[in-house]
Amino acid sequence: MAKPHTPHGPWQAQLPEHAMDILYLLIPLSVSLVFFILGGLWWAIDRGQFDDIESEGARILQEQEP
């Protein structure tokens, strides 16, 4: 009969059974973060934030009268 594999070293230590339960929190949080970022990007595009990028870079270099 084959002997079960035993970990050799601290990097292969066995995790507790409940250690993967954090994924039930992290996966929905990361999905909602992606939706939040995509919503913000859609909002910025819809409001015209990226319509004229070049003129804003040139505007800061022009001298303004006080």
PDB file of N, CA and C in Angstrom:
ATOM      1  N   MET A   1       0.835  -1.167   0.000  1.00  0.00           N
ATOM      2  CA  MET A   1       0.000   0.000   0.000  1.00  0.00           C
ATOM      3  C   MET A   1       0.887   1.240   0.000  1.00  0.00           C
ATOM      4  N   ALA A   2       0.509   2.248  -0.794  1.00  0.00           N
ATOM      5  CA  ALA A   2       1.323   3.443  -0.929  1.00  0.00           C
ATOM      6  C   ALA A   2       1.154   4.347   0.279  1.00  0.00           C
ATOM      7  N   LYS A   3       2.252   4.948   0.676  1.00  0.00           N
ATOM      8  CA  LYS A   3       2.241   5.869   1.809  1.00  0.00           C
ATOM      9  C   LYS A   3       1.772   7.247   1.327  1.00  0.00           C
ATOM     10  N   PRO A   4       0.867   7.935   2.045  1.00  0.00           N
ATOM     11  CA  PRO A   4       0.415   9.262   1.598  1.00  0.00           C
ATOM     12  C   PRO A   4       1.548  10.270   1.639  1.00  0.00           C
ATOM     13  N   HIS A   5       1.475  11.238   0.746  1.00  0.00           N
ATOM     14  CA  HIS A   5       2.507  12.271   0.645  1.00  0.00           C
ATOM     15  C   HIS A   5       2.464  13.153   1.882  1.00  0.00           C
ATOM     16  N   THR A   6       3.625  13.381   2.464  1.00  0.00           N
ATOM     17  CA  THR A   6       3.714  14.278   3.616  1.00  0.00           C
ATOM     18  C   THR A   6       4.522  15.499   3.209  1.00  0.00           C
ATOM     19  N   PRO A   7       4.133  16.674   3.677  1.00  0.00           N
ATOM     20  CA  PRO A   7       4.862  17.885   3.303  1.00  0.00           C
ATOM     21  C   PRO A   7       6.276  17.903   3.879  1.00  0.00           C
ATOM     22  N   HIS A   8       7.182  18.483   3.133  1.00  0.00           N
ATOM     23  CA  HIS A   8       8.572  18.600   3.555  1.00  0.00           C
ATOM     24  C   HIS A   8       8.955  20.073   3.550  1.00  0.00           C
ATOM     25  N   GLY A   9       8.844  20.726   4.660  1.00  0.00           N
ATOM     26  CA  GLY A   9       9.233  22.125   4.763  1.00  0.00           C
ATOM     27  C   GLY A   9       8.042  23.019   5.083  1.00  0.00           C
ATOM     28  N   PRO A  10       8.325  24.246   5.525  1.00  0.00           N
ATOM     29  CA  PRO A  10       7.255  25.149   5.951  1.00  0.00           C
ATOM     30  C   PRO A  10       6.401  25.649   4.789  1.00  0.00           C
ATOM     31  N   TRP A  11       6.933  25.675   3.572  1.00  0.00           N
ATOM     32  CA  TRP A  11       6.176  26.167   2.430  1.00  0.00           C
ATOM     33  C   TRP A  11       5.121  25.165   1.971  1.00  0.00           C
ATOM     34  N   GLN A  12       5.194  23.949   2.419  1.00  0.00           N
ATOM     35  CA  GLN A  12       4.230  22.927   2.044  1.00  0.00           C
ATOM     36  C   GLN A  12       3.373  22.502   3.235  1.00  0.00           C
ATOM     37  N   ALA A  13       3.273  23.355   4.226  1.00  0.00           N
ATOM     38  CA  ALA A  13       2.493  22.996   5.409  1.00  0.00           C
ATOM     39  C   ALA A  13       1.020  22.885   5.054  1.00  0.00           C
ATOM     40  N   GLN A  14       0.324  22.026   5.775  1.00  0.00           N
ATOM     41  CA  GLN A  14      -1.100  21.829   5.547  1.00  0.00           C
ATOM     42  C   GLN A  14      -1.883  23.021   6.075  1.00  0.00           C
ATOM     43  N   LEU A  15      -2.833  23.500   5.276  1.00  0.00           N
ATOM     44  CA  LEU A  15      -3.698  24.592   5.694  1.00  0.00           C
ATOM     45  C   LEU A  15      -4.853  24.044   6.528  1.00  0.00           C
ATOM     46  N   PRO A  16      -5.365  24.833   7.441  1.00  0.00           N
ATOM     47  CA  PRO A  16      -6.557  24.398   8.167  1.00  0.00           C
ATOM     48  C   PRO A  16      -7.731  24.253   7.195  1.00  0.00           C
ATOM     49  N   GLU A  17      -8.721  23.475   7.580  1.00  0.00           N
ATOM     50  CA  GLU A  17      -9.852  23.218   6.696  1.00  0.00           C
ATOM     51  C   GLU A  17     -10.623  24.490   6.368  1.00  0.00           C
ATOM     52  N   HIS A  18     -10.679  25.446   7.262  1.00  0.00           N
ATOM     53  CA  HIS A  18     -11.448  26.659   7.040  1.00  0.00           C
ATOM     54  C   HIS A  18     -10.643  27.770   6.371  1.00  0.00           C
ATOM     55  N   ALA A  19      -9.411  27.498   5.951  1.00  0.00           N
ATOM     56  CA  ALA A  19      -8.560  28.534   5.368  1.00  0.00           C
ATOM     57  C   ALA A  19      -9.079  29.002   4.011  1.00  0.00           C
ATOM     58  N   MET A  20      -9.779  28.171   3.288  1.00  0.00           N
ATOM     59  CA  MET A  20     -10.302  28.552   1.975  1.00  0.00           C
ATOM     60  C   MET A  20     -11.616  29.312   2.073  1.00  0.00           C
ATOM     61  N   ASP A  21     -12.175  29.452   3.270  1.00  0.00           N
ATOM     62  CA  ASP A  21     -13.438  30.167   3.433  1.00  0.00           C
ATOM     63  C   ASP A  21     -13.305  31.646   3.099  1.00  0.00           C
ATOM     64  N   ILE A  22     -12.118  32.199   3.155  1.00  0.00           N
ATOM     65  CA  ILE A  22     -11.917  33.608   2.833  1.00  0.00           C
ATOM     66  C   ILE A  22     -12.252  33.880   1.377  1.00  0.00           C
ATOM     67  N   LEU A  23     -12.176  32.855   0.526  1.00  0.00           N
ATOM     68  CA  LEU A  23     -12.525  33.038  -0.883  1.00  0.00           C
ATOM     69  C   LEU A  23     -13.988  33.397  -1.061  1.00  0.00           C
ATOM     70  N   TYR A  24     -14.854  32.955  -0.139  1.00  0.00           N
ATOM     71  CA  TYR A  24     -16.265  33.319  -0.216  1.00  0.00           C
ATOM     72  C   TYR A  24     -16.460  34.820  -0.015  1.00  0.00           C
ATOM     73  N   LEU A  25     -15.504  35.482   0.588  1.00  0.00           N
ATOM     74  CA  LEU A  25     -15.546  36.929   0.753  1.00  0.00           C
ATOM     75  C   LEU A  25     -14.757  37.642  -0.345  1.00  0.00           C
ATOM     76  N   LEU A  26     -13.579  37.129  -0.668  1.00  0.00           N
ATOM     77  CA  LEU A  26     -12.697  37.823  -1.603  1.00  0.00           C
ATOM     78  C   LEU A  26     -13.194  37.806  -3.043  1.00  0.00           C
ATOM     79  N   ILE A  27     -13.789  36.706  -3.477  1.00  0.00           N
ATOM     80  CA  ILE A  27     -14.259  36.630  -4.865  1.00  0.00           C
ATOM     81  C   ILE A  27     -15.397  37.613  -5.113  1.00  0.00           C
ATOM     82  N   PRO A  28     -16.458  37.675  -4.281  1.00  0.00           N
ATOM     83  CA  PRO A  28     -17.496  38.687  -4.531  1.00  0.00           C
ATOM     84  C   PRO A  28     -16.977  40.118  -4.399  1.00  0.00           C
ATOM     85  N   LEU A  29     -16.053  40.356  -3.468  1.00  0.00           N
ATOM     86  CA  LEU A  29     -15.489  41.698  -3.340  1.00  0.00           C
ATOM     87  C   LEU A  29     -14.705  42.091  -4.583  1.00  0.00           C
ATOM     88  N   SER A  30     -13.935  41.184  -5.138  1.00  0.00           N
ATOM     89  CA  SER A  30     -13.158  41.514  -6.327  1.00  0.00           C
ATOM     90  C   SER A  30     -14.064  41.698  -7.544  1.00  0.00           C
ATOM     91  N   VAL A  31     -15.128  40.910  -7.653  1.00  0.00           N
ATOM     92  CA  VAL A  31     -16.068  41.083  -8.761  1.00  0.00           C
ATOM     93  C   VAL A  31     -16.775  42.430  -8.642  1.00  0.00           C
ATOM     94  N   SER A  32     -17.197  42.799  -7.428  1.00  0.00           N
ATOM     95  CA  SER A  32     -17.852  44.096  -7.271  1.00  0.00           C
ATOM     96  C   SER A  32     -16.871  45.244  -7.494  1.00  0.00           C
ATOM     97  N   LEU A  33     -15.607  45.082  -7.164  1.00  0.00           N
ATOM     98  CA  LEU A  33     -14.608  46.104  -7.447  1.00  0.00           C
ATOM     99  C   LEU A  33     -14.428  46.290  -8.948  1.00  0.00           C
ATOM    100  N   VAL A  34     -14.434  45.202  -9.698  1.00  0.00           N
ATOM    101  CA  VAL A  34     -14.332  45.287 -11.154  1.00  0.00           C
ATOM    102  C   VAL A  34     -15.536  46.033 -11.717  1.00  0.00           C
ATOM    103  N   PHE A  35     -16.742  45.721 -11.233  1.00  0.00           N
ATOM    104  CA  PHE A  35     -17.935  46.425 -11.703  1.00  0.00           C
ATOM    105  C   PHE A  35     -17.888  47.901 -11.329  1.00  0.00           C
ATOM    106  N   PHE A  36     -17.374  48.229 -10.158  1.00  0.00           N
ATOM    107  CA  PHE A  36     -17.252  49.617  -9.733  1.00  0.00           C
ATOM    108  C   PHE A  36     -16.285  50.382 -10.644  1.00  0.00           C
ATOM    109  N   ILE A  37     -15.156  49.772 -10.967  1.00  0.00           N
ATOM    110  CA  ILE A  37     -14.169  50.405 -11.841  1.00  0.00           C
ATOM    111  C   ILE A  37     -14.727  50.566 -13.246  1.00  0.00           C
ATOM    112  N   LEU A  38     -15.393  49.536 -13.765  1.00  0.00           N
ATOM    113  CA  LEU A  38     -15.988  49.642 -15.097  1.00  0.00           C
ATOM    114  C   LEU A  38     -17.095  50.685 -15.127  1.00  0.00           C
ATOM    115  N   GLY A  39     -17.870  50.795 -14.049  1.00  0.00           N
ATOM    116  CA  GLY A  39     -18.900  51.831 -13.969  1.00  0.00           C
ATOM    117  C   GLY A  39     -18.297  53.219 -13.956  1.00  0.00           C
ATOM    118  N   GLY A  40     -17.204  53.404 -13.244  1.00  0.00           N
ATOM    119  CA  GLY A  40     -16.518  54.688 -13.229  1.00  0.00           C
ATOM    120  C   GLY A  40     -15.930  55.032 -14.588  1.00  0.00           C
ATOM    121  N   LEU A  41     -15.387  54.053 -15.276  1.00  0.00           N
ATOM    122  CA  LEU A  41     -14.857  54.280 -16.610  1.00  0.00           C
ATOM    123  C   LEU A  41     -15.975  54.647 -17.573  1.00  0.00           C
ATOM    124  N   TRP A  42     -17.103  53.935 -17.496  1.00  0.00           N
ATOM    125  CA  TRP A  42     -18.249  54.251 -18.349  1.00  0.00           C
ATOM    126  C   TRP A  42     -18.757  55.661 -18.054  1.00  0.00           C
ATOM    127  N   TRP A  43     -18.814  56.034 -16.792  1.00  0.00           N
ATOM    128  CA  TRP A  43     -19.286  57.364 -16.405  1.00  0.00           C
ATOM    129  C   TRP A  43     -18.362  58.440 -16.984  1.00  0.00           C
ATOM    130  N   ALA A  44     -17.046  58.225 -16.900  1.00  0.00           N
ATOM    131  CA  ALA A  44     -16.085  59.205 -17.413  1.00  0.00           C
ATOM    132  C   ALA A  44     -16.183  59.329 -18.931  1.00  0.00           C
ATOM    133  N   ILE A  45     -16.349  58.222 -19.624  1.00  0.00           N
ATOM    134  CA  ILE A  45     -16.483  58.267 -21.079  1.00  0.00           C
ATOM    135  C   ILE A  45     -17.792  58.941 -21.461  1.00  0.00           C
ATOM    136  N   ASP A  46     -18.868  58.635 -20.746  1.00  0.00           N
ATOM    137  CA  ASP A  46     -20.179  59.212 -21.032  1.00  0.00           C
ATOM    138  C   ASP A  46     -20.198  60.718 -20.793  1.00  0.00           C
ATOM    139  N   ARG A  47     -19.442  61.206 -19.824  1.00  0.00           N
ATOM    140  CA  ARG A  47     -19.390  62.636 -19.519  1.00  0.00           C
ATOM    141  C   ARG A  47     -18.402  63.396 -20.389  1.00  0.00           C
ATOM    142  N   GLY A  48     -17.695  62.702 -21.286  1.00  0.00           N
ATOM    143  CA  GLY A  48     -16.804  63.377 -22.215  1.00  0.00           C
ATOM    144  C   GLY A  48     -15.422  63.664 -21.665  1.00  0.00           C
ATOM    145  N   GLN A  49     -14.977  62.905 -20.692  1.00  0.00           N
ATOM    146  CA  GLN A  49     -13.665  63.145 -20.100  1.00  0.00           C
ATOM    147  C   GLN A  49     -12.525  62.849 -21.072  1.00  0.00           C
ATOM    148  N   PHE A  50     -12.766  61.990 -22.053  1.00  0.00           N
ATOM    149  CA  PHE A  50     -11.701  61.589 -22.970  1.00  0.00           C
ATOM    150  C   PHE A  50     -11.937  62.114 -24.379  1.00  0.00           C
ATOM    151  N   ASP A  51     -12.789  63.117 -24.547  1.00  0.00           N
ATOM    152  CA  ASP A  51     -13.110  63.614 -25.884  1.00  0.00           C
ATOM    153  C   ASP A  51     -11.955  64.389 -26.504  1.00  0.00           C
ATOM    154  N   ASP A  52     -11.311  65.253 -25.744  1.00  0.00           N
ATOM    155  CA  ASP A  52     -10.261  66.107 -26.304  1.00  0.00           C
ATOM    156  C   ASP A  52      -9.062  66.123 -25.360  1.00  0.00           C
ATOM    157  N   ILE A  53      -8.245  65.120 -25.475  1.00  0.00           N
ATOM    158  CA  ILE A  53      -7.119  64.965 -24.559  1.00  0.00           C
ATOM    159  C   ILE A  53      -5.959  65.890 -24.936  1.00  0.00           C
ATOM    160  N   GLU A  54      -5.731  66.095 -26.226  1.00  0.00           N
ATOM    161  CA  GLU A  54      -4.560  66.857 -26.677  1.00  0.00           C
ATOM    162  C   GLU A  54      -4.638  68.327 -26.291  1.00  0.00           C
ATOM    163  N   SER A  55      -5.806  68.943 -26.390  1.00  0.00           N
ATOM    164  CA  SER A  55      -5.886  70.383 -26.122  1.00  0.00           C
ATOM    165  C   SER A  55      -5.664  70.704 -24.644  1.00  0.00           C
ATOM    166  N   GLU A  56      -6.018  69.814 -23.763  1.00  0.00           N
ATOM    167  CA  GLU A  56      -5.783  70.062 -22.342  1.00  0.00           C
ATOM    168  C   GLU A  56      -4.292  70.059 -22.025  1.00  0.00           C
ATOM    169  N   GLY A  57      -3.528  69.239 -22.705  1.00  0.00           N
ATOM    170  CA  GLY A  57      -2.083  69.237 -22.503  1.00  0.00           C
ATOM    171  C   GLY A  57      -1.430  70.506 -23.029  1.00  0.00           C
ATOM    172  N   ALA A  58      -1.974  71.045 -24.120  1.00  0.00           N
ATOM    173  CA  ALA A  58      -1.423  72.279 -24.681  1.00  0.00           C
ATOM    174  C   ALA A  58      -1.905  73.500 -23.902  1.00  0.00           C
ATOM    175  N   ARG A  59      -3.078  73.429 -23.322  1.00  0.00           N
ATOM    176  CA  ARG A  59      -3.642  74.567 -22.604  1.00  0.00           C
ATOM    177  C   ARG A  59      -2.794  74.944 -21.396  1.00  0.00           C
ATOM    178  N   ILE A  60      -2.232  73.992 -20.721  1.00  0.00           N
ATOM    179  CA  ILE A  60      -1.444  74.279 -19.526  1.00  0.00           C
ATOM    180  C   ILE A  60      -0.131  74.969 -19.877  1.00  0.00           C
ATOM    181  N   LEU A  61       0.335  74.806 -21.117  1.00  0.00           N
ATOM    182  CA  LEU A  61       1.589  75.424 -21.533  1.00  0.00           C
ATOM    183  C   LEU A  61       1.404  76.865 -22.024  1.00  0.00           C
ATOM    184  N   GLN A  62       0.177  77.251 -22.313  1.00  0.00           N
ATOM    185  CA  GLN A  62      -0.076  78.606 -22.789  1.00  0.00           C
ATOM    186  C   GLN A  62      -0.063  79.582 -21.622  1.00  0.00           C
ATOM    187  N   GLU A  63       0.449  80.782 -21.908  1.00  0.00           N
ATOM    188  CA  GLU A  63       0.465  81.809 -20.863  1.00  0.00           C
ATOM    189  C   GLU A  63      -0.919  82.434 -20.739  1.00  0.00           C
ATOM    190  N   GLN A  64      -1.317  82.682 -19.518  1.00  0.00           N
ATOM    191  CA  GLN A  64      -2.617  83.314 -19.289  1.00  0.00           C
ATOM    192  C   GLN A  64      -2.390  84.701 -18.716  1.00  0.00           C
ATOM    193  N   GLU A  65      -3.265  85.615 -19.095  1.00  0.00           N
ATOM    194  CA  GLU A  65      -3.161  86.961 -18.557  1.00  0.00           C
ATOM    195  C   GLU A  65      -3.748  86.996 -17.148  1.00  0.00           C
ATOM    196  N   PRO A  66      -3.094  87.727 -16.230  1.00  0.00           N
ATOM    197  CA  PRO A  66      -3.596  87.759 -14.847  1.00  0.00           C
ATOM    198  C   PRO A  66      -4.868  88.547 -14.666  1.00  0.00           C
TER     199      PRO A  66
END
